[in-house]
Amino acid sequence: MPKKPNHTCVTCGATYYNCDGCASMGAVTPWRSIACSVECYQAFLTVKELQAGRVTKAEADEMIQRSGFDTNKALPSVREALTPAPAETSVSEVTPVSTPAPTKKAKG
């Protein structure tokens, strides 16, 4: 008989069962007490790294792609944090901005 779900994934919101035996010892927090799958846990870690400023948005995007995590299944807050970084603008696409010529002070 399947056990009743006792956790909700922080990444996708799915409910799932996880034995809380290891977590009750207090030494470590098992990944299964946070996320329902390895991919969701990797996405969770990526968001934490991004929020802490240890990775850039582009690096986070690459990490998510490598993990196989489907951002369409993510909770809205996670999806927002993992929104792909806008493409870099090349120098040739930048429109030059003209600056006004400095004005001379009148001698008085």
PDB file of N, CA and C in Angstrom:
ATOM      1  N   MET A   1       0.839  -1.174   0.000  1.00  0.00           N
ATOM      2  CA  MET A   1       0.000   0.000   0.000  1.00  0.00           C
ATOM      3  C   MET A   1       0.891   1.247   0.000  1.00  0.00           C
ATOM      4  N   PRO A   2       0.666   2.183  -0.950  1.00  0.00           N
ATOM      5  CA  PRO A   2       1.481   3.405  -0.994  1.00  0.00           C
ATOM      6  C   PRO A   2       1.270   4.250   0.257  1.00  0.00           C
ATOM      7  N   LYS A   3       2.342   4.891   0.663  1.00  0.00           N
ATOM      8  CA  LYS A   3       2.264   5.737   1.849  1.00  0.00           C
ATOM      9  C   LYS A   3       1.723   7.110   1.467  1.00  0.00           C
ATOM     10  N   LYS A   4       1.048   7.723   2.405  1.00  0.00           N
ATOM     11  CA  LYS A   4       0.432   9.031   2.191  1.00  0.00           C
ATOM     12  C   LYS A   4       1.523  10.104   2.033  1.00  0.00           C
ATOM     13  N   PRO A   5       1.389  10.988   1.035  1.00  0.00           N
ATOM     14  CA  PRO A   5       2.383  12.058   0.866  1.00  0.00           C
ATOM     15  C   PRO A   5       2.522  12.897   2.137  1.00  0.00           C
ATOM     16  N   ASN A   6       3.767  13.180   2.513  1.00  0.00           N
ATOM     17  CA  ASN A   6       4.005  13.982   3.715  1.00  0.00           C
ATOM     18  C   ASN A   6       4.946  15.155   3.445  1.00  0.00           C
ATOM     19  N   HIS A   7       5.266  15.395   2.161  1.00  0.00           N
ATOM     20  CA  HIS A   7       6.131  16.509   1.785  1.00  0.00           C
ATOM     21  C   HIS A   7       5.589  17.165   0.531  1.00  0.00           C
ATOM     22  N   THR A   8       5.944  18.437   0.358  1.00  0.00           N
ATOM     23  CA  THR A   8       5.627  19.163  -0.866  1.00  0.00           C
ATOM     24  C   THR A   8       6.938  19.688  -1.428  1.00  0.00           C
ATOM     25  N   CYS A   9       7.175  19.410  -2.692  1.00  0.00           N
ATOM     26  CA  CYS A   9       8.416  19.832  -3.346  1.00  0.00           C
ATOM     27  C   CYS A   9       8.488  21.354  -3.397  1.00  0.00           C
ATOM     28  N   VAL A  10       9.603  21.918  -2.961  1.00  0.00           N
ATOM     29  CA  VAL A  10       9.768  23.377  -2.951  1.00  0.00           C
ATOM     30  C   VAL A  10       9.979  23.938  -4.349  1.00  0.00           C
ATOM     31  N   THR A  11      10.266  23.071  -5.305  1.00  0.00           N
ATOM     32  CA  THR A  11      10.546  23.524  -6.659  1.00  0.00           C
ATOM     33  C   THR A  11       9.331  23.432  -7.575  1.00  0.00           C
ATOM     34  N   CYS A  12       8.633  22.291  -7.540  1.00  0.00           N
ATOM     35  CA  CYS A  12       7.500  22.114  -8.456  1.00  0.00           C
ATOM     36  C   CYS A  12       6.146  22.045  -7.764  1.00  0.00           C
ATOM     37  N   GLY A  13       6.121  21.877  -6.443  1.00  0.00           N
ATOM     38  CA  GLY A  13       4.863  21.841  -5.710  1.00  0.00           C
ATOM     39  C   GLY A  13       4.215  20.470  -5.622  1.00  0.00           C
ATOM     40  N   ALA A  14       4.846  19.447  -6.195  1.00  0.00           N
ATOM     41  CA  ALA A  14       4.288  18.093  -6.139  1.00  0.00           C
ATOM     42  C   ALA A  14       4.339  17.568  -4.706  1.00  0.00           C
ATOM     43  N   THR A  15       3.342  16.769  -4.347  1.00  0.00           N
ATOM     44  CA  THR A  15       3.364  16.130  -3.034  1.00  0.00           C
ATOM     45  C   THR A  15       3.930  14.724  -3.212  1.00  0.00           C
ATOM     46  N   TYR A  16       4.676  14.268  -2.211  1.00  0.00           N
ATOM     47  CA  TYR A  16       5.320  12.961  -2.282  1.00  0.00           C
ATOM     48  C   TYR A  16       5.605  12.453  -0.872  1.00  0.00           C
ATOM     49  N   TYR A  17       5.854  11.147  -0.752  1.00  0.00           N
ATOM     50  CA  TYR A  17       6.203  10.563   0.538  1.00  0.00           C
ATOM     51  C   TYR A  17       7.720  10.475   0.666  1.00  0.00           C
ATOM     52  N   ASN A  18       8.199  10.776   1.862  1.00  0.00           N
ATOM     53  CA  ASN A  18       9.611  10.606   2.188  1.00  0.00           C
ATOM     54  C   ASN A  18       9.716  10.198   3.645  1.00  0.00           C
ATOM     55  N   CYS A  19      10.525   9.199   3.917  1.00  0.00           N
ATOM     56  CA  CYS A  19      10.771   8.782   5.288  1.00  0.00           C
ATOM     57  C   CYS A  19      11.553   9.897   5.990  1.00  0.00           C
ATOM     58  N   ASP A  20      11.118  10.295   7.161  1.00  0.00           N
ATOM     59  CA  ASP A  20      11.779  11.388   7.869  1.00  0.00           C
ATOM     60  C   ASP A  20      12.770  10.893   8.925  1.00  0.00           C
ATOM     61  N   GLY A  21      13.151   9.622   8.861  1.00  0.00           N
ATOM     62  CA  GLY A  21      14.072   9.050   9.843  1.00  0.00           C
ATOM     63  C   GLY A  21      15.404   9.766   9.910  1.00  0.00           C
ATOM     64  N   CYS A  22      16.030  10.001   8.752  1.00  0.00           N
ATOM     65  CA  CYS A  22      17.342  10.668   8.731  1.00  0.00           C
ATOM     66  C   CYS A  22      17.241  12.116   9.185  1.00  0.00           C
ATOM     67  N   ALA A  23      16.195  12.797   8.766  1.00  0.00           N
ATOM     68  CA  ALA A  23      16.031  14.205   9.127  1.00  0.00           C
ATOM     69  C   ALA A  23      15.819  14.368  10.627  1.00  0.00           C
ATOM     70  N   SER A  24      15.206  13.374  11.271  1.00  0.00           N
ATOM     71  CA  SER A  24      14.949  13.480  12.712  1.00  0.00           C
ATOM     72  C   SER A  24      16.233  13.423  13.535  1.00  0.00           C
ATOM     73  N   MET A  25      17.332  12.915  12.940  1.00  0.00           N
ATOM     74  CA  MET A  25      18.607  12.876  13.660  1.00  0.00           C
ATOM     75  C   MET A  25      19.248  14.254  13.712  1.00  0.00           C
ATOM     76  N   GLY A  26      18.844  15.158  12.833  1.00  0.00           N
ATOM     77  CA  GLY A  26      19.313  16.531  12.870  1.00  0.00           C
ATOM     78  C   GLY A  26      20.704  16.791  12.330  1.00  0.00           C
ATOM     79  N   ALA A  27      21.436  15.773  11.938  1.00  0.00           N
ATOM     80  CA  ALA A  27      22.802  15.977  11.466  1.00  0.00           C
ATOM     81  C   ALA A  27      22.826  16.619  10.083  1.00  0.00           C
ATOM     82  N   VAL A  28      21.975  16.163   9.200  1.00  0.00           N
ATOM     83  CA  VAL A  28      21.921  16.681   7.832  1.00  0.00           C
ATOM     84  C   VAL A  28      20.459  16.784   7.395  1.00  0.00           C
ATOM     85  N   THR A  29      20.231  17.523   6.331  1.00  0.00           N
ATOM     86  CA  THR A  29      18.899  17.579   5.735  1.00  0.00           C
ATOM     87  C   THR A  29      18.953  16.796   4.433  1.00  0.00           C
ATOM     88  N   PRO A  30      18.334  15.627   4.388  1.00  0.00           N
ATOM     89  CA  PRO A  30      18.343  14.850   3.154  1.00  0.00           C
ATOM     90  C   PRO A  30      17.630  15.604   2.031  1.00  0.00           C
ATOM     91  N   TRP A  31      18.142  15.476   0.807  1.00  0.00           N
ATOM     92  CA  TRP A  31      17.551  16.204  -0.308  1.00  0.00           C
ATOM     93  C   TRP A  31      16.100  15.823  -0.521  1.00  0.00           C
ATOM     94  N   ARG A  32      15.715  14.594  -0.190  1.00  0.00           N
ATOM     95  CA  ARG A  32      14.334  14.168  -0.398  1.00  0.00           C
ATOM     96  C   ARG A  32      13.349  14.869   0.542  1.00  0.00           C
ATOM     97  N   SER A  33      13.836  15.516   1.577  1.00  0.00           N
ATOM     98  CA  SER A  33      12.922  16.268   2.442  1.00  0.00           C
ATOM     99  C   SER A  33      12.642  17.652   1.867  1.00  0.00           C
ATOM    100  N   ILE A  34      13.355  18.028   0.776  1.00  0.00           N
ATOM    101  CA  ILE A  34      13.202  19.335   0.144  1.00  0.00           C
ATOM    102  C   ILE A  34      12.536  19.229  -1.222  1.00  0.00           C
ATOM    103  N   ALA A  35      12.940  18.220  -2.000  1.00  0.00           N
ATOM    104  CA  ALA A  35      12.473  18.116  -3.382  1.00  0.00           C
ATOM    105  C   ALA A  35      12.048  16.690  -3.709  1.00  0.00           C
ATOM    106  N   CYS A  36      11.175  16.581  -4.720  1.00  0.00           N
ATOM    107  CA  CYS A  36      10.622  15.279  -5.100  1.00  0.00           C
ATOM    108  C   CYS A  36      11.523  14.489  -6.035  1.00  0.00           C
ATOM    109  N   SER A  37      12.477  15.143  -6.676  1.00  0.00           N
ATOM    110  CA  SER A  37      13.354  14.456  -7.624  1.00  0.00           C
ATOM    111  C   SER A  37      14.728  15.107  -7.619  1.00  0.00           C
ATOM    112  N   VAL A  38      15.688  14.425  -8.211  1.00  0.00           N
ATOM    113  CA  VAL A  38      17.045  14.964  -8.310  1.00  0.00           C
ATOM    114  C   VAL A  38      17.025  16.254  -9.132  1.00  0.00           C
ATOM    115  N   GLU A  39      16.250  16.266 -10.226  1.00  0.00           N
ATOM    116  CA  GLU A  39      16.185  17.453 -11.083  1.00  0.00           C
ATOM    117  C   GLU A  39      15.613  18.656 -10.317  1.00  0.00           C
ATOM    118  N   CYS A  40      14.587  18.421  -9.528  1.00  0.00           N
ATOM    119  CA  CYS A  40      14.014  19.519  -8.726  1.00  0.00           C
ATOM    120  C   CYS A  40      15.004  19.996  -7.670  1.00  0.00           C
ATOM    121  N   TYR A  41      15.742  19.066  -7.069  1.00  0.00           N
ATOM    122  CA  TYR A  41      16.727  19.457  -6.070  1.00  0.00           C
ATOM    123  C   TYR A  41      17.849  20.269  -6.711  1.00  0.00           C
ATOM    124  N   GLN A  42      18.291  19.874  -7.906  1.00  0.00           N
ATOM    125  CA  GLN A  42      19.325  20.637  -8.602  1.00  0.00           C
ATOM    126  C   GLN A  42      18.818  22.041  -8.937  1.00  0.00           C
ATOM    127  N   ALA A  43      17.554  22.153  -9.331  1.00  0.00           N
ATOM    128  CA  ALA A  43      16.977  23.471  -9.614  1.00  0.00           C
ATOM    129  C   ALA A  43      16.923  24.299  -8.327  1.00  0.00           C
ATOM    130  N   PHE A  44      16.565  23.679  -7.216  1.00  0.00           N
ATOM    131  CA  PHE A  44      16.540  24.353  -5.917  1.00  0.00           C
ATOM    132  C   PHE A  44      17.923  24.909  -5.572  1.00  0.00           C
ATOM    133  N   LEU A  45      18.951  24.074  -5.740  1.00  0.00           N
ATOM    134  CA  LEU A  45      20.319  24.516  -5.445  1.00  0.00           C
ATOM    135  C   LEU A  45      20.753  25.651  -6.378  1.00  0.00           C
ATOM    136  N   THR A  46      20.369  25.560  -7.638  1.00  0.00           N
ATOM    137  CA  THR A  46      20.725  26.599  -8.605  1.00  0.00           C
ATOM    138  C   THR A  46      20.095  27.934  -8.214  1.00  0.00           C
ATOM    139  N   VAL A  47      18.832  27.918  -7.815  1.00  0.00           N
ATOM    140  CA  VAL A  47      18.162  29.156  -7.383  1.00  0.00           C
ATOM    141  C   VAL A  47      18.864  29.730  -6.161  1.00  0.00           C
ATOM    142  N   LYS A  48      19.232  28.882  -5.219  1.00  0.00           N
ATOM    143  CA  LYS A  48      19.946  29.349  -4.023  1.00  0.00           C
ATOM    144  C   LYS A  48      21.287  29.991  -4.392  1.00  0.00           C
ATOM    145  N   GLU A  49      22.023  29.375  -5.297  1.00  0.00           N
ATOM    146  CA  GLU A  49      23.312  29.928  -5.740  1.00  0.00           C
ATOM    147  C   GLU A  49      23.110  31.269  -6.442  1.00  0.00           C
ATOM    148  N   LEU A  50      22.066  31.362  -7.246  1.00  0.00           N
ATOM    149  CA  LEU A  50      21.755  32.596  -7.958  1.00  0.00           C
ATOM    150  C   LEU A  50      21.379  33.704  -6.974  1.00  0.00           C
ATOM    151  N   GLN A  51      20.528  33.382  -6.016  1.00  0.00           N
ATOM    152  CA  GLN A  51      20.105  34.365  -5.017  1.00  0.00           C
ATOM    153  C   GLN A  51      21.263  34.834  -4.145  1.00  0.00           C
ATOM    154  N   ALA A  52      22.222  33.962  -3.902  1.00  0.00           N
ATOM    155  CA  ALA A  52      23.377  34.315  -3.076  1.00  0.00           C
ATOM    156  C   ALA A  52      24.439  35.067  -3.876  1.00  0.00           C
ATOM    157  N   GLY A  53      24.250  35.155  -5.189  1.00  0.00           N
ATOM    158  CA  GLY A  53      25.200  35.867  -6.027  1.00  0.00           C
ATOM    159  C   GLY A  53      26.451  35.074  -6.359  1.00  0.00           C
ATOM    160  N   ARG A  54      26.402  33.763  -6.157  1.00  0.00           N
ATOM    161  CA  ARG A  54      27.567  32.926  -6.442  1.00  0.00           C
ATOM    162  C   ARG A  54      27.635  32.480  -7.903  1.00  0.00           C
ATOM    163  N   VAL A  55      26.520  32.621  -8.628  1.00  0.00           N
ATOM    164  CA  VAL A  55      26.506  32.339 -10.066  1.00  0.00           C
ATOM    165  C   VAL A  55      25.749  33.455 -10.766  1.00  0.00           C
ATOM    166  N   THR A  56      26.056  33.667 -12.023  1.00  0.00           N
ATOM    167  CA  THR A  56      25.339  34.663 -12.818  1.00  0.00           C
ATOM    168  C   THR A  56      24.074  34.031 -13.374  1.00  0.00           C
ATOM    169  N   LYS A  57      23.196  34.872 -13.914  1.00  0.00           N
ATOM    170  CA  LYS A  57      21.961  34.381 -14.521  1.00  0.00           C
ATOM    171  C   LYS A  57      22.292  33.436 -15.684  1.00  0.00           C
ATOM    172  N   ALA A  58      23.294  33.793 -16.491  1.00  0.00           N
ATOM    173  CA  ALA A  58      23.683  32.944 -17.622  1.00  0.00           C
ATOM    174  C   ALA A  58      24.212  31.597 -17.134  1.00  0.00           C
ATOM    175  N   GLU A  59      25.006  31.600 -16.063  1.00  0.00           N
ATOM    176  CA  GLU A  59      25.521  30.347 -15.508  1.00  0.00           C
ATOM    177  C   GLU A  59      24.383  29.498 -14.959  1.00  0.00           C
ATOM    178  N   ALA A  60      23.419  30.140 -14.309  1.00  0.00           N
ATOM    179  CA  ALA A  60      22.264  29.423 -13.774  1.00  0.00           C
ATOM    180  C   ALA A  60      21.455  28.794 -14.906  1.00  0.00           C
ATOM    181  N   ASP A  61      21.278  29.526 -15.997  1.00  0.00           N
ATOM    182  CA  ASP A  61      20.562  28.994 -17.157  1.00  0.00           C
ATOM    183  C   ASP A  61      21.243  27.729 -17.669  1.00  0.00           C
ATOM    184  N   GLU A  62      22.567  27.770 -17.759  1.00  0.00           N
ATOM    185  CA  GLU A  62      23.328  26.617 -18.235  1.00  0.00           C
ATOM    186  C   GLU A  62      23.193  25.442 -17.272  1.00  0.00           C
ATOM    187  N   MET A  63      23.230  25.710 -15.978  1.00  0.00           N
ATOM    188  CA  MET A  63      23.094  24.656 -14.978  1.00  0.00           C
ATOM    189  C   MET A  63      21.728  23.977 -15.087  1.00  0.00           C
ATOM    190  N   ILE A  64      20.690  24.772 -15.292  1.00  0.00           N
ATOM    191  CA  ILE A  64      19.339  24.234 -15.417  1.00  0.00           C
ATOM    192  C   ILE A  64      19.230  23.378 -16.678  1.00  0.00           C
ATOM    193  N   GLN A  65      19.780  23.851 -17.777  1.00  0.00           N
ATOM    194  CA  GLN A  65      19.731  23.075 -19.024  1.00  0.00           C
ATOM    195  C   GLN A  65      20.432  21.729 -18.865  1.00  0.00           C
ATOM    196  N   ARG A  66      21.588  21.733 -18.209  1.00  0.00           N
ATOM    197  CA  ARG A  66      22.335  20.482 -17.999  1.00  0.00           C
ATOM    198  C   ARG A  66      21.592  19.525 -17.077  1.00  0.00           C
ATOM    199  N   SER A  67      20.837  20.053 -16.125  1.00  0.00           N
ATOM    200  CA  SER A  67      20.156  19.200 -15.148  1.00  0.00           C
ATOM    201  C   SER A  67      18.961  18.463 -15.737  1.00  0.00           C
ATOM    202  N   GLY A  68      18.404  18.987 -16.822  1.00  0.00           N
ATOM    203  CA  GLY A  68      17.221  18.368 -17.405  1.00  0.00           C
ATOM    204  C   GLY A  68      15.926  18.808 -16.739  1.00  0.00           C
ATOM    205  N   PHE A  69      16.007  19.799 -15.869  1.00  0.00           N
ATOM    206  CA  PHE A  69      14.818  20.293 -15.170  1.00  0.00           C
ATOM    207  C   PHE A  69      13.897  21.017 -16.148  1.00  0.00           C
ATOM    208  N   ASP A  70      12.599  20.713 -16.087  1.00  0.00           N
ATOM    209  CA  ASP A  70      11.603  21.346 -16.954  1.00  0.00           C
ATOM    210  C   ASP A  70      11.030  22.560 -16.221  1.00  0.00           C
ATOM    211  N   THR A  71      11.427  23.756 -16.611  1.00  0.00           N
ATOM    212  CA  THR A  71      10.973  24.969 -15.919  1.00  0.00           C
ATOM    213  C   THR A  71       9.467  25.193 -16.063  1.00  0.00           C
ATOM    214  N   ASN A  72       8.834  24.548 -17.034  1.00  0.00           N
ATOM    215  CA  ASN A  72       7.378  24.674 -17.174  1.00  0.00           C
ATOM    216  C   ASN A  72       6.639  24.025 -16.010  1.00  0.00           C
ATOM    217  N   LYS A  73       7.285  23.098 -15.305  1.00  0.00           N
ATOM    218  CA  LYS A  73       6.671  22.418 -14.161  1.00  0.00           C
ATOM    219  C   LYS A  73       6.984  23.115 -12.836  1.00  0.00           C
ATOM    220  N   ALA A  74       7.802  24.156 -12.882  1.00  0.00           N
ATOM    221  CA  ALA A  74       8.239  24.843 -11.657  1.00  0.00           C
ATOM    222  C   ALA A  74       7.142  25.718 -11.085  1.00  0.00           C
ATOM    223  N   LEU A  75       7.218  25.936  -9.780  1.00  0.00           N
ATOM    224  CA  LEU A  75       6.327  26.897  -9.135  1.00  0.00           C
ATOM    225  C   LEU A  75       6.621  28.285  -9.717  1.00  0.00           C
ATOM    226  N   PRO A  76       5.638  29.189  -9.726  1.00  0.00           N
ATOM    227  CA  PRO A  76       5.858  30.522 -10.314  1.00  0.00           C
ATOM    228  C   PRO A  76       7.084  31.243  -9.763  1.00  0.00           C
ATOM    229  N   SER A  77       7.327  31.175  -8.466  1.00  0.00           N
ATOM    230  CA  SER A  77       8.479  31.880  -7.891  1.00  0.00           C
ATOM    231  C   SER A  77       9.798  31.300  -8.394  1.00  0.00           C
ATOM    232  N   VAL A  78       9.845  29.994  -8.577  1.00  0.00           N
ATOM    233  CA  VAL A  78      11.050  29.346  -9.085  1.00  0.00           C
ATOM    234  C   VAL A  78      11.215  29.668 -10.565  1.00  0.00           C
ATOM    235  N   ARG A  79      10.115  29.615 -11.302  1.00  0.00           N
ATOM    236  CA  ARG A  79      10.166  29.923 -12.738  1.00  0.00           C
ATOM    237  C   ARG A  79      10.659  31.346 -12.957  1.00  0.00           C
ATOM    238  N   GLU A  80      10.190  32.271 -12.134  1.00  0.00           N
ATOM    239  CA  GLU A  80      10.624  33.671 -12.253  1.00  0.00           C
ATOM    240  C   GLU A  80      12.120  33.805 -11.984  1.00  0.00           C
ATOM    241  N   ALA A  81      12.598  33.110 -10.956  1.00  0.00           N
ATOM    242  CA  ALA A  81      14.030  33.176 -10.628  1.00  0.00           C
ATOM    243  C   ALA A  81      14.879  32.565 -11.734  1.00  0.00           C
ATOM    244  N   LEU A  82      14.327  31.599 -12.447  1.00  0.00           N
ATOM    245  CA  LEU A  82      15.086  30.906 -13.479  1.00  0.00           C
ATOM    246  C   LEU A  82      14.790  31.391 -14.892  1.00  0.00           C
ATOM    247  N   THR A  83      14.092  32.511 -15.020  1.00  0.00           N
ATOM    248  CA  THR A  83      13.809  33.045 -16.348  1.00  0.00           C
ATOM    249  C   THR A  83      15.125  33.262 -17.065  1.00  0.00           C
ATOM    250  N   PRO A  84      15.235  32.741 -18.287  1.00  0.00           N
ATOM    251  CA  PRO A  84      16.506  32.870 -19.007  1.00  0.00           C
ATOM    252  C   PRO A  84      16.984  34.310 -19.108  1.00  0.00           C
ATOM    253  N   ALA A  85      18.272  34.471 -19.007  1.00  0.00           N
ATOM    254  CA  ALA A  85      18.882  35.799 -19.135  1.00  0.00           C
ATOM    255  C   ALA A  85      18.684  36.288 -20.561  1.00  0.00           C
ATOM    256  N   PRO A  86      18.447  37.580 -20.740  1.00  0.00           N
ATOM    257  CA  PRO A  86      18.316  38.096 -22.104  1.00  0.00           C
ATOM    258  C   PRO A  86      19.624  37.921 -22.860  1.00  0.00           C
ATOM    259  N   ALA A  87      19.499  37.759 -24.161  1.00  0.00           N
ATOM    260  CA  ALA A  87      20.700  37.579 -24.988  1.00  0.00           C
ATOM    261  C   ALA A  87      21.576  38.817 -24.891  1.00  0.00           C
ATOM    262  N   GLU A  88      22.853  38.585 -24.906  1.00  0.00           N
ATOM    263  CA  GLU A  88      23.805  39.695 -24.875  1.00  0.00           C
ATOM    264  C   GLU A  88      23.654  40.531 -26.141  1.00  0.00           C
ATOM    265  N   THR A  89      23.754  41.824 -26.025  1.00  0.00           N
ATOM    266  CA  THR A  89      23.701  42.707 -27.184  1.00  0.00           C
ATOM    267  C   THR A  89      25.119  42.901 -27.689  1.00  0.00           C
ATOM    268  N   SER A  90      25.290  42.677 -28.968  1.00  0.00           N
ATOM    269  CA  SER A  90      26.633  42.845 -29.510  1.00  0.00           C
ATOM    270  C   SER A  90      26.922  44.328 -29.686  1.00  0.00           C
ATOM    271  N   VAL A  91      28.178  44.663 -29.752  1.00  0.00           N
ATOM    272  CA  VAL A  91      28.599  46.054 -29.885  1.00  0.00           C
ATOM    273  C   VAL A  91      28.034  46.668 -31.164  1.00  0.00           C
ATOM    274  N   SER A  92      27.939  45.893 -32.236  1.00  0.00           N
ATOM    275  CA  SER A  92      27.447  46.434 -33.505  1.00  0.00           C
ATOM    276  C   SER A  92      25.957  46.786 -33.437  1.00  0.00           C
ATOM    277  N   GLU A  93      25.222  46.212 -32.473  1.00  0.00           N
ATOM    278  CA  GLU A  93      23.796  46.485 -32.353  1.00  0.00           C
ATOM    279  C   GLU A  93      23.503  47.700 -31.481  1.00  0.00           C
ATOM    280  N   VAL A  94      24.494  48.222 -30.805  1.00  0.00           N
ATOM    281  CA  VAL A  94      24.296  49.344 -29.900  1.00  0.00           C
ATOM    282  C   VAL A  94      24.257  50.638 -30.709  1.00  0.00           C
ATOM    283  N   THR A  95      23.225  51.435 -30.470  1.00  0.00           N
ATOM    284  CA  THR A  95      23.118  52.721 -31.137  1.00  0.00           C
ATOM    285  C   THR A  95      23.939  53.733 -30.355  1.00  0.00           C
ATOM    286  N   PRO A  96      24.847  54.436 -31.033  1.00  0.00           N
ATOM    287  CA  PRO A  96      25.664  55.414 -30.315  1.00  0.00           C
ATOM    288  C   PRO A  96      24.792  56.535 -29.752  1.00  0.00           C
ATOM    289  N   VAL A  97      25.157  56.970 -28.599  1.00  0.00           N
ATOM    290  CA  VAL A  97      24.443  58.074 -27.965  1.00  0.00           C
ATOM    291  C   VAL A  97      25.309  59.310 -28.100  1.00  0.00           C
ATOM    292  N   SER A  98      24.720  60.373 -28.645  1.00  0.00           N
ATOM    293  CA  SER A  98      25.510  61.601 -28.778  1.00  0.00           C
ATOM    294  C   SER A  98      25.343  62.417 -27.501  1.00  0.00           C
ATOM    295  N   THR A  99      26.400  63.025 -27.108  1.00  0.00           N
ATOM    296  CA  THR A  99      26.370  63.874 -25.921  1.00  0.00           C
ATOM    297  C   THR A  99      26.468  65.320 -26.374  1.00  0.00           C
ATOM    298  N   PRO A 100      25.779  66.211 -25.716  1.00  0.00           N
ATOM    299  CA  PRO A 100      25.843  67.617 -26.115  1.00  0.00           C
ATOM    300  C   PRO A 100      27.244  68.182 -25.906  1.00  0.00           C
ATOM    301  N   ALA A 101      27.634  69.073 -26.780  1.00  0.00           N
ATOM    302  CA  ALA A 101      28.947  69.717 -26.655  1.00  0.00           C
ATOM    303  C   ALA A 101      28.948  70.568 -25.405  1.00  0.00           C
ATOM    304  N   PRO A 102      30.066  70.591 -24.698  1.00  0.00           N
ATOM    305  CA  PRO A 102      30.139  71.417 -23.497  1.00  0.00           C
ATOM    306  C   PRO A 102      29.989  72.899 -23.858  1.00  0.00           C
ATOM    307  N   THR A 103      29.300  73.607 -23.014  1.00  0.00           N
ATOM    308  CA  THR A 103      29.105  75.046 -23.244  1.00  0.00           C
ATOM    309  C   THR A 103      30.202  75.826 -22.533  1.00  0.00           C
ATOM    310  N   LYS A 104      30.630  76.907 -23.161  1.00  0.00           N
ATOM    311  CA  LYS A 104      31.670  77.744 -22.545  1.00  0.00           C
ATOM    312  C   LYS A 104      30.997  78.754 -21.649  1.00  0.00           C
ATOM    313  N   LYS A 105      31.622  78.964 -20.519  1.00  0.00           N
ATOM    314  CA  LYS A 105      31.112  79.977 -19.599  1.00  0.00           C
ATOM    315  C   LYS A 105      31.480  81.352 -20.128  1.00  0.00           C
ATOM    316  N   ALA A 106      30.567  82.269 -20.045  1.00  0.00           N
ATOM    317  CA  ALA A 106      30.817  83.642 -20.483  1.00  0.00           C
ATOM    318  C   ALA A 106      31.754  84.316 -19.472  1.00  0.00           C
ATOM    319  N   LYS A 107      32.739  85.050 -19.988  1.00  0.00           N
ATOM    320  CA  LYS A 107      33.654  85.760 -19.097  1.00  0.00           C
ATOM    321  C   LYS A 107      32.976  87.040 -18.673  1.00  0.00           C
ATOM    322  N   GLY A 108      33.064  87.320 -17.423  1.00  0.00           N
ATOM    323  CA  GLY A 108      32.356  88.484 -16.975  1.00  0.00           C
ATOM    324  C   GLY A 108      33.071  89.427 -16.209  1.00  0.00           C
TER     325      GLY A 108
END
